[in-house]
Amino acid sequence: MQMPKATDHDKQRFRDLIAPLAEESPAVEVKPMFGQLGAFVNGNMFAGLFGSSVGVKLDEAGVQELAAIGGEPFGPEERPMPGYITIPDDQNADAWIDRAVTYVGTFPPKAPKATKKK
């Protein structure tokens, strides 16, 4: 499985998309994931960066709506992430990210993972 690399420009663009949400809520944060970035609300991922593609987690209706205007499965071609879909470059990413954070924000918060003792 070939993992595309996100450029520094891609990573900054993603951070810039998430920054307004993080300013509004301390529950929103961006974390590195496997050389990419993920955006989380209450510990649940609502958006991610895979190479230069930005993907969002939406309900089934949202996934179908975004697919109808060019969104594609998000993640590795061999194993796309269920419930996540890419935002086409010609779409307003802010609106889809807002929709994703609202949807995922309804999920129960994830408990932090326990640290491993050495």
N, C-alpha and C. Protein backbone atom coordinates (compact mmCIF):
# COMPACT_ATOMS: atom_id res chain seq x y z
N MET A 1 0.85 -1.18 0.00
CA MET A 1 0.00 0.00 0.00
C MET A 1 0.90 1.24 0.00
N GLN A 2 0.73 2.07 -0.99
CA GLN A 2 1.53 3.29 -1.12
C GLN A 2 0.82 4.45 -0.41
N MET A 3 1.51 5.06 0.54
CA MET A 3 0.95 6.19 1.27
C MET A 3 1.42 7.49 0.62
N PRO A 4 0.50 8.33 0.14
CA PRO A 4 0.92 9.62 -0.42
C PRO A 4 1.44 10.52 0.70
N LYS A 5 2.39 11.34 0.36
CA LYS A 5 2.94 12.26 1.36
C LYS A 5 2.24 13.61 1.24
N ALA A 6 1.85 14.13 2.38
CA ALA A 6 1.30 15.48 2.43
C ALA A 6 2.48 16.46 2.45
N THR A 7 2.42 17.47 1.61
CA THR A 7 3.47 18.48 1.61
C THR A 7 3.26 19.43 2.79
N ASP A 8 4.26 20.24 3.07
CA ASP A 8 4.11 21.24 4.12
C ASP A 8 2.97 22.20 3.77
N HIS A 9 2.82 22.49 2.47
CA HIS A 9 1.73 23.37 2.02
C HIS A 9 0.37 22.71 2.29
N ASP A 10 0.24 21.41 1.99
CA ASP A 10 -1.00 20.68 2.26
C ASP A 10 -1.33 20.72 3.74
N LYS A 11 -0.33 20.47 4.57
CA LYS A 11 -0.54 20.45 6.02
C LYS A 11 -0.97 21.81 6.55
N GLN A 12 -0.36 22.88 6.02
CA GLN A 12 -0.73 24.22 6.47
C GLN A 12 -2.14 24.58 6.01
N ARG A 13 -2.48 24.19 4.78
CA ARG A 13 -3.84 24.43 4.27
C ARG A 13 -4.86 23.74 5.17
N PHE A 14 -4.57 22.50 5.57
CA PHE A 14 -5.47 21.76 6.46
C PHE A 14 -5.59 22.46 7.82
N ARG A 15 -4.45 22.83 8.39
CA ARG A 15 -4.48 23.54 9.69
C ARG A 15 -5.30 24.83 9.59
N ASP A 16 -5.14 25.55 8.47
CA ASP A 16 -5.88 26.80 8.27
C ASP A 16 -7.39 26.55 8.18
N LEU A 17 -7.79 25.43 7.59
CA LEU A 17 -9.21 25.08 7.51
C LEU A 17 -9.79 24.79 8.90
N ILE A 18 -9.00 24.18 9.76
CA ILE A 18 -9.47 23.78 11.09
C ILE A 18 -9.34 24.90 12.12
N ALA A 19 -8.41 25.83 11.91
CA ALA A 19 -8.11 26.88 12.90
C ALA A 19 -9.34 27.62 13.42
N PRO A 20 -10.29 28.06 12.57
CA PRO A 20 -11.45 28.77 13.13
C PRO A 20 -12.26 27.91 14.10
N LEU A 21 -12.36 26.62 13.85
CA LEU A 21 -13.11 25.74 14.75
C LEU A 21 -12.37 25.56 16.07
N ALA A 22 -11.04 25.44 15.99
CA ALA A 22 -10.23 25.28 17.19
C ALA A 22 -10.27 26.54 18.05
N GLU A 23 -10.38 27.70 17.40
CA GLU A 23 -10.48 28.96 18.16
C GLU A 23 -11.81 29.04 18.90
N GLU A 24 -12.86 28.47 18.30
CA GLU A 24 -14.19 28.49 18.91
C GLU A 24 -14.34 27.48 20.03
N SER A 25 -13.64 26.35 19.92
CA SER A 25 -13.84 25.26 20.87
C SER A 25 -12.53 24.57 21.24
N PRO A 26 -12.23 24.48 22.54
CA PRO A 26 -11.03 23.75 22.95
C PRO A 26 -11.15 22.25 22.70
N ALA A 27 -12.36 21.77 22.39
CA ALA A 27 -12.56 20.34 22.11
C ALA A 27 -12.05 19.96 20.72
N VAL A 28 -11.72 20.96 19.88
CA VAL A 28 -11.23 20.70 18.52
C VAL A 28 -9.71 20.82 18.50
N GLU A 29 -9.06 19.80 17.93
CA GLU A 29 -7.60 19.84 17.83
C GLU A 29 -7.13 19.09 16.59
N VAL A 30 -5.94 19.45 16.13
CA VAL A 30 -5.30 18.78 15.00
C VAL A 30 -4.14 17.98 15.56
N LYS A 31 -4.03 16.72 15.11
CA LYS A 31 -2.96 15.83 15.57
C LYS A 31 -2.34 15.13 14.36
N PRO A 32 -1.04 14.82 14.45
CA PRO A 32 -0.41 14.02 13.39
C PRO A 32 -0.90 12.58 13.43
N MET A 33 -1.04 12.00 12.24
CA MET A 33 -1.48 10.60 12.12
C MET A 33 -0.77 9.97 10.93
N PHE A 34 0.13 9.05 11.17
CA PHE A 34 0.79 8.28 10.11
C PHE A 34 1.38 9.18 9.02
N GLY A 35 2.00 10.28 9.40
CA GLY A 35 2.58 11.20 8.44
C GLY A 35 1.58 12.15 7.82
N GLN A 36 0.34 12.05 8.21
CA GLN A 36 -0.74 12.92 7.73
C GLN A 36 -1.23 13.74 8.93
N LEU A 37 -2.40 14.36 8.80
CA LEU A 37 -3.00 15.08 9.91
C LEU A 37 -4.45 14.67 10.07
N GLY A 38 -4.93 14.72 11.29
CA GLY A 38 -6.34 14.47 11.58
C GLY A 38 -6.87 15.59 12.45
N ALA A 39 -8.15 15.93 12.28
CA ALA A 39 -8.81 16.93 13.12
C ALA A 39 -9.85 16.20 13.96
N PHE A 40 -9.84 16.47 15.25
CA PHE A 40 -10.66 15.74 16.21
C PHE A 40 -11.53 16.69 17.01
N VAL A 41 -12.72 16.23 17.37
CA VAL A 41 -13.58 16.92 18.32
C VAL A 41 -13.91 15.91 19.41
N ASN A 42 -13.62 16.26 20.63
CA ASN A 42 -13.84 15.37 21.78
C ASN A 42 -13.19 14.00 21.56
N GLY A 43 -12.04 13.98 20.88
CA GLY A 43 -11.31 12.75 20.66
C GLY A 43 -11.75 11.94 19.45
N ASN A 44 -12.79 12.37 18.74
CA ASN A 44 -13.29 11.68 17.56
C ASN A 44 -12.87 12.42 16.30
N MET A 45 -12.32 11.72 15.33
CA MET A 45 -11.85 12.38 14.10
C MET A 45 -13.02 12.78 13.21
N PHE A 46 -13.03 14.05 12.80
CA PHE A 46 -14.07 14.53 11.90
C PHE A 46 -13.53 14.92 10.54
N ALA A 47 -12.23 15.13 10.43
CA ALA A 47 -11.62 15.48 9.15
C ALA A 47 -10.18 14.98 9.15
N GLY A 48 -9.68 14.72 7.95
CA GLY A 48 -8.31 14.24 7.84
C GLY A 48 -7.67 14.68 6.55
N LEU A 49 -6.37 14.57 6.53
CA LEU A 49 -5.56 14.88 5.36
C LEU A 49 -4.88 13.59 4.93
N PHE A 50 -4.99 13.26 3.65
CA PHE A 50 -4.35 12.08 3.09
C PHE A 50 -3.71 12.52 1.78
N GLY A 51 -2.39 12.71 1.81
CA GLY A 51 -1.73 13.35 0.66
C GLY A 51 -2.22 14.78 0.59
N SER A 52 -2.78 15.17 -0.53
CA SER A 52 -3.34 16.52 -0.65
C SER A 52 -4.86 16.52 -0.49
N SER A 53 -5.46 15.35 -0.27
CA SER A 53 -6.93 15.25 -0.16
C SER A 53 -7.39 15.49 1.26
N VAL A 54 -8.45 16.29 1.39
CA VAL A 54 -9.09 16.51 2.68
C VAL A 54 -10.37 15.68 2.68
N GLY A 55 -10.52 14.88 3.72
CA GLY A 55 -11.72 14.06 3.86
C GLY A 55 -12.46 14.41 5.13
N VAL A 56 -13.76 14.18 5.11
CA VAL A 56 -14.60 14.46 6.26
C VAL A 56 -15.49 13.27 6.57
N LYS A 57 -15.88 13.14 7.85
CA LYS A 57 -16.81 12.09 8.27
C LYS A 57 -18.20 12.72 8.30
N LEU A 58 -19.12 12.08 7.55
CA LEU A 58 -20.48 12.59 7.46
C LEU A 58 -21.47 11.45 7.67
N ASP A 59 -22.72 11.81 7.93
CA ASP A 59 -23.76 10.80 7.97
C ASP A 59 -23.96 10.27 6.55
N GLU A 60 -24.73 9.19 6.42
CA GLU A 60 -24.89 8.54 5.11
C GLU A 60 -25.44 9.51 4.06
N ALA A 61 -26.38 10.35 4.43
CA ALA A 61 -26.94 11.31 3.47
C ALA A 61 -25.87 12.29 3.01
N GLY A 62 -25.03 12.74 3.93
CA GLY A 62 -23.95 13.66 3.58
C GLY A 62 -22.93 13.01 2.67
N VAL A 63 -22.58 11.74 2.95
CA VAL A 63 -21.64 11.01 2.11
C VAL A 63 -22.20 10.92 0.69
N GLN A 64 -23.49 10.58 0.56
CA GLN A 64 -24.11 10.46 -0.76
C GLN A 64 -24.15 11.81 -1.48
N GLU A 65 -24.46 12.86 -0.74
CA GLU A 65 -24.51 14.21 -1.32
C GLU A 65 -23.14 14.64 -1.85
N LEU A 66 -22.10 14.40 -1.06
CA LEU A 66 -20.76 14.80 -1.48
C LEU A 66 -20.27 13.90 -2.62
N ALA A 67 -20.62 12.62 -2.60
CA ALA A 67 -20.24 11.71 -3.69
C ALA A 67 -20.88 12.15 -5.00
N ALA A 68 -22.09 12.67 -4.93
CA ALA A 68 -22.81 13.09 -6.14
C ALA A 68 -22.16 14.29 -6.82
N ILE A 69 -21.33 15.03 -6.08
CA ILE A 69 -20.66 16.20 -6.67
C ILE A 69 -19.15 15.98 -6.80
N GLY A 70 -18.74 14.72 -6.77
CA GLY A 70 -17.34 14.41 -7.05
C GLY A 70 -16.50 13.93 -5.89
N GLY A 71 -17.08 13.82 -4.69
CA GLY A 71 -16.32 13.29 -3.56
C GLY A 71 -16.00 11.82 -3.78
N GLU A 72 -14.84 11.40 -3.32
CA GLU A 72 -14.40 10.01 -3.48
C GLU A 72 -14.08 9.41 -2.12
N PRO A 73 -14.02 8.08 -2.04
CA PRO A 73 -13.65 7.45 -0.76
C PRO A 73 -12.33 8.03 -0.25
N PHE A 74 -12.23 8.19 1.05
CA PHE A 74 -11.07 8.82 1.68
C PHE A 74 -10.15 7.77 2.28
N GLY A 75 -8.87 7.92 2.03
CA GLY A 75 -7.87 7.02 2.59
C GLY A 75 -7.24 6.18 1.51
N PRO A 76 -6.50 5.15 1.92
CA PRO A 76 -5.85 4.29 0.93
C PRO A 76 -6.88 3.64 0.01
N GLU A 77 -6.56 3.54 -1.26
CA GLU A 77 -7.48 2.96 -2.23
C GLU A 77 -7.88 1.54 -1.83
N GLU A 78 -6.92 0.79 -1.27
CA GLU A 78 -7.19 -0.59 -0.88
C GLU A 78 -8.10 -0.69 0.34
N ARG A 79 -8.05 0.32 1.19
CA ARG A 79 -8.83 0.28 2.43
C ARG A 79 -9.33 1.68 2.80
N PRO A 80 -10.30 2.22 2.05
CA PRO A 80 -10.81 3.55 2.40
C PRO A 80 -11.48 3.53 3.78
N MET A 81 -11.50 4.67 4.41
CA MET A 81 -12.08 4.78 5.75
C MET A 81 -13.61 4.87 5.65
N PRO A 82 -14.34 3.97 6.27
CA PRO A 82 -15.80 4.00 6.21
C PRO A 82 -16.37 5.29 6.78
N GLY A 83 -17.34 5.86 6.07
CA GLY A 83 -17.99 7.08 6.54
C GLY A 83 -17.26 8.36 6.21
N TYR A 84 -16.06 8.24 5.64
CA TYR A 84 -15.27 9.42 5.27
C TYR A 84 -15.26 9.57 3.75
N ILE A 85 -15.29 10.80 3.27
CA ILE A 85 -15.29 11.08 1.85
C ILE A 85 -14.49 12.36 1.60
N THR A 86 -13.82 12.41 0.45
CA THR A 86 -13.00 13.59 0.14
C THR A 86 -13.88 14.77 -0.28
N ILE A 87 -13.36 15.94 -0.04
CA ILE A 87 -14.00 17.17 -0.50
C ILE A 87 -13.36 17.54 -1.84
N PRO A 88 -14.14 17.58 -2.93
CA PRO A 88 -13.56 17.96 -4.22
C PRO A 88 -12.96 19.38 -4.14
N ASP A 89 -11.91 19.60 -4.90
CA ASP A 89 -11.21 20.88 -4.86
C ASP A 89 -12.10 22.07 -5.21
N ASP A 90 -13.15 21.84 -6.02
CA ASP A 90 -13.99 22.97 -6.45
C ASP A 90 -15.13 23.26 -5.46
N GLN A 91 -15.14 22.57 -4.33
CA GLN A 91 -16.19 22.78 -3.33
C GLN A 91 -15.70 23.65 -2.17
N ASN A 92 -16.64 24.26 -1.46
CA ASN A 92 -16.33 25.07 -0.28
C ASN A 92 -16.00 24.12 0.88
N ALA A 93 -14.71 23.94 1.13
CA ALA A 93 -14.27 23.02 2.18
C ALA A 93 -14.78 23.44 3.55
N ASP A 94 -14.86 24.74 3.80
CA ASP A 94 -15.31 25.22 5.12
C ASP A 94 -16.70 24.70 5.46
N ALA A 95 -17.60 24.74 4.49
CA ALA A 95 -18.98 24.29 4.74
C ALA A 95 -19.03 22.80 5.07
N TRP A 96 -18.25 22.00 4.34
CA TRP A 96 -18.25 20.55 4.60
C TRP A 96 -17.56 20.22 5.92
N ILE A 97 -16.52 20.94 6.26
CA ILE A 97 -15.84 20.72 7.54
C ILE A 97 -16.76 21.11 8.69
N ASP A 98 -17.50 22.22 8.53
CA ASP A 98 -18.47 22.61 9.56
C ASP A 98 -19.52 21.52 9.75
N ARG A 99 -19.97 20.98 8.64
CA ARG A 99 -20.98 19.91 8.70
C ARG A 99 -20.42 18.67 9.40
N ALA A 100 -19.16 18.34 9.11
CA ALA A 100 -18.52 17.18 9.72
C ALA A 100 -18.34 17.36 11.23
N VAL A 101 -17.85 18.53 11.65
CA VAL A 101 -17.62 18.74 13.08
C VAL A 101 -18.95 18.75 13.84
N THR A 102 -20.00 19.24 13.21
CA THR A 102 -21.32 19.23 13.85
C THR A 102 -21.80 17.80 14.01
N TYR A 103 -21.65 16.99 12.96
CA TYR A 103 -22.08 15.59 13.01
C TYR A 103 -21.26 14.80 14.04
N VAL A 104 -19.96 14.85 13.94
CA VAL A 104 -19.10 14.06 14.83
C VAL A 104 -19.15 14.61 16.26
N GLY A 105 -19.44 15.89 16.40
CA GLY A 105 -19.58 16.48 17.73
C GLY A 105 -20.72 15.88 18.54
N THR A 106 -21.63 15.14 17.89
CA THR A 106 -22.73 14.49 18.60
C THR A 106 -22.32 13.13 19.17
N PHE A 107 -21.14 12.63 18.77
CA PHE A 107 -20.66 11.34 19.25
C PHE A 107 -20.21 11.47 20.71
N PRO A 108 -20.29 10.38 21.48
CA PRO A 108 -19.77 10.44 22.85
C PRO A 108 -18.26 10.70 22.83
N PRO A 109 -17.77 11.49 23.77
CA PRO A 109 -16.32 11.74 23.82
C PRO A 109 -15.55 10.44 24.01
N LYS A 110 -14.38 10.39 23.36
CA LYS A 110 -13.50 9.23 23.54
C LYS A 110 -12.64 9.46 24.76
N ALA A 111 -12.51 8.42 25.55
CA ALA A 111 -11.64 8.50 26.71
C ALA A 111 -10.19 8.45 26.24
N PRO A 112 -9.32 9.25 26.84
CA PRO A 112 -7.91 9.18 26.45
C PRO A 112 -7.34 7.78 26.70
N LYS A 113 -6.46 7.35 25.82
CA LYS A 113 -5.83 6.04 25.99
C LYS A 113 -4.85 6.10 27.15
N ALA A 114 -4.82 5.02 27.91
CA ALA A 114 -3.89 4.94 29.03
C ALA A 114 -2.46 4.88 28.50
N THR A 115 -1.56 5.54 29.18
CA THR A 115 -0.16 5.48 28.76
C THR A 115 0.44 4.15 29.18
N LYS A 116 1.32 3.63 28.37
CA LYS A 116 1.96 2.36 28.67
C LYS A 116 3.06 2.56 29.70
N LYS A 117 3.11 1.66 30.66
CA LYS A 117 4.18 1.72 31.66
C LYS A 117 5.38 0.95 31.13
N LYS A 118 6.53 1.46 31.41
CA LYS A 118 7.77 0.81 30.96
C LYS A 118 8.28 -0.13 32.01
